[in-house]
Amino acid sequence: MLNQTFDDFELICIDDGSTDTSLSILKEYANKKDISVSEAAKQLVKIALKKN
């Protein structure tokens, strides 16, 4: 995704509380590129998932 020539997009990744290292990987890229990482409280994510 980061090597695309088309740069007018928004990539949204949702942390569902998994125990893998995906959140830390996203944070590493955020330090290197113009990327924003937001963390929501796990409770809010669970509520959002239940509504969908």
PDB file of N, CA and C in Angstrom:
ATOM      1  N   MET A   1       0.808  -1.193   0.000  1.00  0.00           N
ATOM      2  CA  MET A   1       0.000   0.000   0.000  1.00  0.00           C
ATOM      3  C   MET A   1       0.855   1.262   0.000  1.00  0.00           C
ATOM      4  N   LEU A   2       1.927   1.242   0.740  1.00  0.00           N
ATOM      5  CA  LEU A   2       2.725   2.462   0.893  1.00  0.00           C
ATOM      6  C   LEU A   2       3.566   2.780  -0.324  1.00  0.00           C
ATOM      7  N   ASN A   3       3.747   1.832  -1.225  1.00  0.00           N
ATOM      8  CA  ASN A   3       4.556   2.065  -2.420  1.00  0.00           C
ATOM      9  C   ASN A   3       3.718   2.386  -3.644  1.00  0.00           C
ATOM     10  N   GLN A   4       2.443   2.619  -3.472  1.00  0.00           N
ATOM     11  CA  GLN A   4       1.557   2.938  -4.589  1.00  0.00           C
ATOM     12  C   GLN A   4       1.877   4.327  -5.138  1.00  0.00           C
ATOM     13  N   THR A   5       1.684   4.517  -6.428  1.00  0.00           N
ATOM     14  CA  THR A   5       1.866   5.846  -7.002  1.00  0.00           C
ATOM     15  C   THR A   5       0.643   6.722  -6.765  1.00  0.00           C
ATOM     16  N   PHE A   6      -0.520   6.103  -6.619  1.00  0.00           N
ATOM     17  CA  PHE A   6      -1.739   6.840  -6.285  1.00  0.00           C
ATOM     18  C   PHE A   6      -1.712   7.097  -4.788  1.00  0.00           C
ATOM     19  N   ASP A   7      -1.706   8.370  -4.402  1.00  0.00           N
ATOM     20  CA  ASP A   7      -1.544   8.669  -2.978  1.00  0.00           C
ATOM     21  C   ASP A   7      -2.729   9.396  -2.350  1.00  0.00           C
ATOM     22  N   ASP A   8      -3.843   9.460  -3.055  1.00  0.00           N
ATOM     23  CA  ASP A   8      -5.023  10.127  -2.516  1.00  0.00           C
ATOM     24  C   ASP A   8      -5.992   9.081  -1.966  1.00  0.00           C
ATOM     25  N   PHE A   9      -5.598   8.434  -0.887  1.00  0.00           N
ATOM     26  CA  PHE A   9      -6.440   7.413  -0.279  1.00  0.00           C
ATOM     27  C   PHE A   9      -6.275   7.441   1.234  1.00  0.00           C
ATOM     28  N   GLU A  10      -7.209   6.827   1.891  1.00  0.00           N
ATOM     29  CA  GLU A  10      -7.151   6.703   3.340  1.00  0.00           C
ATOM     30  C   GLU A  10      -7.230   5.225   3.675  1.00  0.00           C
ATOM     31  N   LEU A  11      -6.261   4.731   4.389  1.00  0.00           N
ATOM     32  CA  LEU A  11      -6.217   3.335   4.818  1.00  0.00           C
ATOM     33  C   LEU A  11      -6.650   3.294   6.271  1.00  0.00           C
ATOM     34  N   ILE A  12      -7.683   2.530   6.548  1.00  0.00           N
ATOM     35  CA  ILE A  12      -8.190   2.422   7.914  1.00  0.00           C
ATOM     36  C   ILE A  12      -7.998   0.989   8.384  1.00  0.00           C
ATOM     37  N   CYS A  13      -7.294   0.825   9.492  1.00  0.00           N
ATOM     38  CA  CYS A  13      -7.086  -0.480  10.110  1.00  0.00           C
ATOM     39  C   CYS A  13      -7.731  -0.439  11.488  1.00  0.00           C
ATOM     40  N   ILE A  14      -8.462  -1.472  11.823  1.00  0.00           N
ATOM     41  CA  ILE A  14      -9.162  -1.516  13.107  1.00  0.00           C
ATOM     42  C   ILE A  14      -8.545  -2.603  13.970  1.00  0.00           C
ATOM     43  N   ASP A  15      -8.094  -2.203  15.138  1.00  0.00           N
ATOM     44  CA  ASP A  15      -7.553  -3.155  16.108  1.00  0.00           C
ATOM     45  C   ASP A  15      -8.730  -3.768  16.853  1.00  0.00           C
ATOM     46  N   ASP A  16      -8.925  -5.042  16.667  1.00  0.00           N
ATOM     47  CA  ASP A  16     -10.052  -5.715  17.312  1.00  0.00           C
ATOM     48  C   ASP A  16      -9.657  -6.376  18.621  1.00  0.00           C
ATOM     49  N   GLY A  17      -8.535  -5.961  19.150  1.00  0.00           N
ATOM     50  CA  GLY A  17      -8.093  -6.517  20.427  1.00  0.00           C
ATOM     51  C   GLY A  17      -7.272  -7.785  20.263  1.00  0.00           C
ATOM     52  N   SER A  18      -6.838  -8.069  19.044  1.00  0.00           N
ATOM     53  CA  SER A  18      -6.042  -9.276  18.825  1.00  0.00           C
ATOM     54  C   SER A  18      -4.712  -9.169  19.552  1.00  0.00           C
ATOM     55  N   THR A  19      -4.082 -10.306  19.761  1.00  0.00           N
ATOM     56  CA  THR A  19      -2.835 -10.324  20.522  1.00  0.00           C
ATOM     57  C   THR A  19      -1.603 -10.397  19.630  1.00  0.00           C
ATOM     58  N   ASP A  20      -1.799 -10.212  18.316  1.00  0.00           N
ATOM     59  CA  ASP A  20      -0.633 -10.186  17.430  1.00  0.00           C
ATOM     60  C   ASP A  20       0.044  -8.825  17.524  1.00  0.00           C
ATOM     61  N   THR A  21       1.027  -8.585  16.694  1.00  0.00           N
ATOM     62  CA  THR A  21       1.797  -7.344  16.778  1.00  0.00           C
ATOM     63  C   THR A  21       1.388  -6.317  15.725  1.00  0.00           C
ATOM     64  N   SER A  22       0.188  -6.437  15.185  1.00  0.00           N
ATOM     65  CA  SER A  22      -0.224  -5.535  14.100  1.00  0.00           C
ATOM     66  C   SER A  22      -0.235  -4.068  14.541  1.00  0.00           C
ATOM     67  N   LEU A  23      -0.661  -3.775  15.742  1.00  0.00           N
ATOM     68  CA  LEU A  23      -0.691  -2.388  16.201  1.00  0.00           C
ATOM     69  C   LEU A  23       0.715  -1.809  16.291  1.00  0.00           C
ATOM     70  N   SER A  24       1.649  -2.566  16.800  1.00  0.00           N
ATOM     71  CA  SER A  24       3.023  -2.059  16.893  1.00  0.00           C
ATOM     72  C   SER A  24       3.642  -1.882  15.505  1.00  0.00           C
ATOM     73  N   ILE A  25       3.287  -2.740  14.553  1.00  0.00           N
ATOM     74  CA  ILE A  25       3.774  -2.592  13.176  1.00  0.00           C
ATOM     75  C   ILE A  25       3.233  -1.304  12.570  1.00  0.00           C
ATOM     76  N   LEU A  26       1.953  -1.023  12.788  1.00  0.00           N
ATOM     77  CA  LEU A  26       1.366   0.222  12.282  1.00  0.00           C
ATOM     78  C   LEU A  26       2.051   1.437  12.896  1.00  0.00           C
ATOM     79  N   LYS A  27       2.355   1.354  14.172  1.00  0.00           N
ATOM     80  CA  LYS A  27       3.037   2.464  14.839  1.00  0.00           C
ATOM     81  C   LYS A  27       4.436   2.686  14.264  1.00  0.00           C
ATOM     82  N   GLU A  28       5.133   1.608  13.910  1.00  0.00           N
ATOM     83  CA  GLU A  28       6.454   1.739  13.294  1.00  0.00           C
ATOM     84  C   GLU A  28       6.356   2.492  11.967  1.00  0.00           C
ATOM     85  N   TYR A  29       5.377   2.137  11.145  1.00  0.00           N
ATOM     86  CA  TYR A  29       5.184   2.836   9.874  1.00  0.00           C
ATOM     87  C   TYR A  29       4.781   4.289  10.102  1.00  0.00           C
ATOM     88  N   ALA A  30       4.007   4.541  11.142  1.00  0.00           N
ATOM     89  CA  ALA A  30       3.585   5.908  11.439  1.00  0.00           C
ATOM     90  C   ALA A  30       4.794   6.786  11.750  1.00  0.00           C
ATOM     91  N   ASN A  31       5.815   6.206  12.344  1.00  0.00           N
ATOM     92  CA  ASN A  31       7.031   6.960  12.646  1.00  0.00           C
ATOM     93  C   ASN A  31       7.835   7.277  11.392  1.00  0.00           C
ATOM     94  N   LYS A  32       7.692   6.467  10.340  1.00  0.00           N
ATOM     95  CA  LYS A  32       8.488   6.618   9.131  1.00  0.00           C
ATOM     96  C   LYS A  32       7.772   7.405   8.036  1.00  0.00           C
ATOM     97  N   LYS A  33       6.475   7.360   8.013  1.00  0.00           N
ATOM     98  CA  LYS A  33       5.682   7.978   6.944  1.00  0.00           C
ATOM     99  C   LYS A  33       4.708   8.977   7.553  1.00  0.00           C
ATOM    100  N   ASP A  34       3.973   9.646   6.696  1.00  0.00           N
ATOM    101  CA  ASP A  34       2.936  10.579   7.156  1.00  0.00           C
ATOM    102  C   ASP A  34       1.653   9.789   7.422  1.00  0.00           C
ATOM    103  N   ILE A  35       1.684   9.033   8.514  1.00  0.00           N
ATOM    104  CA  ILE A  35       0.580   8.137   8.860  1.00  0.00           C
ATOM    105  C   ILE A  35       0.136   8.445  10.285  1.00  0.00           C
ATOM    106  N   SER A  36      -1.144   8.412  10.491  1.00  0.00           N
ATOM    107  CA  SER A  36      -1.701   8.639  11.822  1.00  0.00           C
ATOM    108  C   SER A  36      -2.283   7.336  12.346  1.00  0.00           C
ATOM    109  N   VAL A  37      -1.974   7.008  13.576  1.00  0.00           N
ATOM    110  CA  VAL A  37      -2.508   5.809  14.225  1.00  0.00           C
ATOM    111  C   VAL A  37      -3.300   6.258  15.439  1.00  0.00           C
ATOM    112  N   SER A  38      -4.551   5.855  15.484  1.00  0.00           N
ATOM    113  CA  SER A  38      -5.404   6.174  16.630  1.00  0.00           C
ATOM    114  C   SER A  38      -5.814   4.880  17.313  1.00  0.00           C
ATOM    115  N   GLU A  39      -5.809   4.909  18.619  1.00  0.00           N
ATOM    116  CA  GLU A  39      -6.229   3.738  19.378  1.00  0.00           C
ATOM    117  C   GLU A  39      -7.515   4.064  20.125  1.00  0.00           C
ATOM    118  N   ALA A  40      -8.500   3.220  19.954  1.00  0.00           N
ATOM    119  CA  ALA A  40      -9.745   3.378  20.701  1.00  0.00           C
ATOM    120  C   ALA A  40      -9.721   2.394  21.865  1.00  0.00           C
ATOM    121  N   ALA A  41     -10.454   2.714  22.867  1.00  0.00           N
ATOM    122  CA  ALA A  41     -10.566   1.790  23.989  1.00  0.00           C
ATOM    123  C   ALA A  41     -11.168   0.477  23.491  1.00  0.00           C
ATOM    124  N   LYS A  42     -10.661  -0.622  23.983  1.00  0.00           N
ATOM    125  CA  LYS A  42     -11.142  -1.929  23.522  1.00  0.00           C
ATOM    126  C   LYS A  42     -12.644  -2.073  23.725  1.00  0.00           C
ATOM    127  N   GLN A  43     -13.167  -1.494  24.760  1.00  0.00           N
ATOM    128  CA  GLN A  43     -14.597  -1.564  25.029  1.00  0.00           C
ATOM    129  C   GLN A  43     -15.385  -0.921  23.900  1.00  0.00           C
ATOM    130  N   LEU A  44     -14.923   0.224  23.408  1.00  0.00           N
ATOM    131  CA  LEU A  44     -15.626   0.911  22.323  1.00  0.00           C
ATOM    132  C   LEU A  44     -15.600   0.093  21.043  1.00  0.00           C
ATOM    133  N   VAL A  45     -14.493  -0.576  20.781  1.00  0.00           N
ATOM    134  CA  VAL A  45     -14.391  -1.409  19.588  1.00  0.00           C
ATOM    135  C   VAL A  45     -15.373  -2.564  19.683  1.00  0.00           C
ATOM    136  N   LYS A  46     -15.477  -3.172  20.849  1.00  0.00           N
ATOM    137  CA  LYS A  46     -16.418  -4.278  21.026  1.00  0.00           C
ATOM    138  C   LYS A  46     -17.848  -3.825  20.797  1.00  0.00           C
ATOM    139  N   ILE A  47     -18.187  -2.646  21.286  1.00  0.00           N
ATOM    140  CA  ILE A  47     -19.536  -2.107  21.090  1.00  0.00           C
ATOM    141  C   ILE A  47     -19.800  -1.873  19.602  1.00  0.00           C
ATOM    142  N   ALA A  48     -18.822  -1.304  18.909  1.00  0.00           N
ATOM    143  CA  ALA A  48     -18.986  -1.032  17.473  1.00  0.00           C
ATOM    144  C   ALA A  48     -19.157  -2.317  16.689  1.00  0.00           C
ATOM    145  N   LEU A  49     -18.401  -3.344  17.044  1.00  0.00           N
ATOM    146  CA  LEU A  49     -18.503  -4.615  16.328  1.00  0.00           C
ATOM    147  C   LEU A  49     -19.859  -5.271  16.553  1.00  0.00           C
ATOM    148  N   LYS A  50     -20.397  -5.135  17.739  1.00  0.00           N
ATOM    149  CA  LYS A  50     -21.706  -5.732  18.045  1.00  0.00           C
ATOM    150  C   LYS A  50     -22.814  -5.058  17.242  1.00  0.00           C
ATOM    151  N   LYS A  51     -22.658  -3.764  16.977  1.00  0.00           N
ATOM    152  CA  LYS A  51     -23.693  -3.032  16.230  1.00  0.00           C
ATOM    153  C   LYS A  51     -23.689  -3.405  14.765  1.00  0.00           C
ATOM    154  N   ASN A  52     -22.596  -3.896  14.244  1.00  0.00           N
ATOM    155  CA  ASN A  52     -22.519  -4.288  12.841  1.00  0.00           C
ATOM    156  C   ASN A  52     -22.730  -5.741  12.782  1.00  0.00           C
TER     157      ASN A  52
END
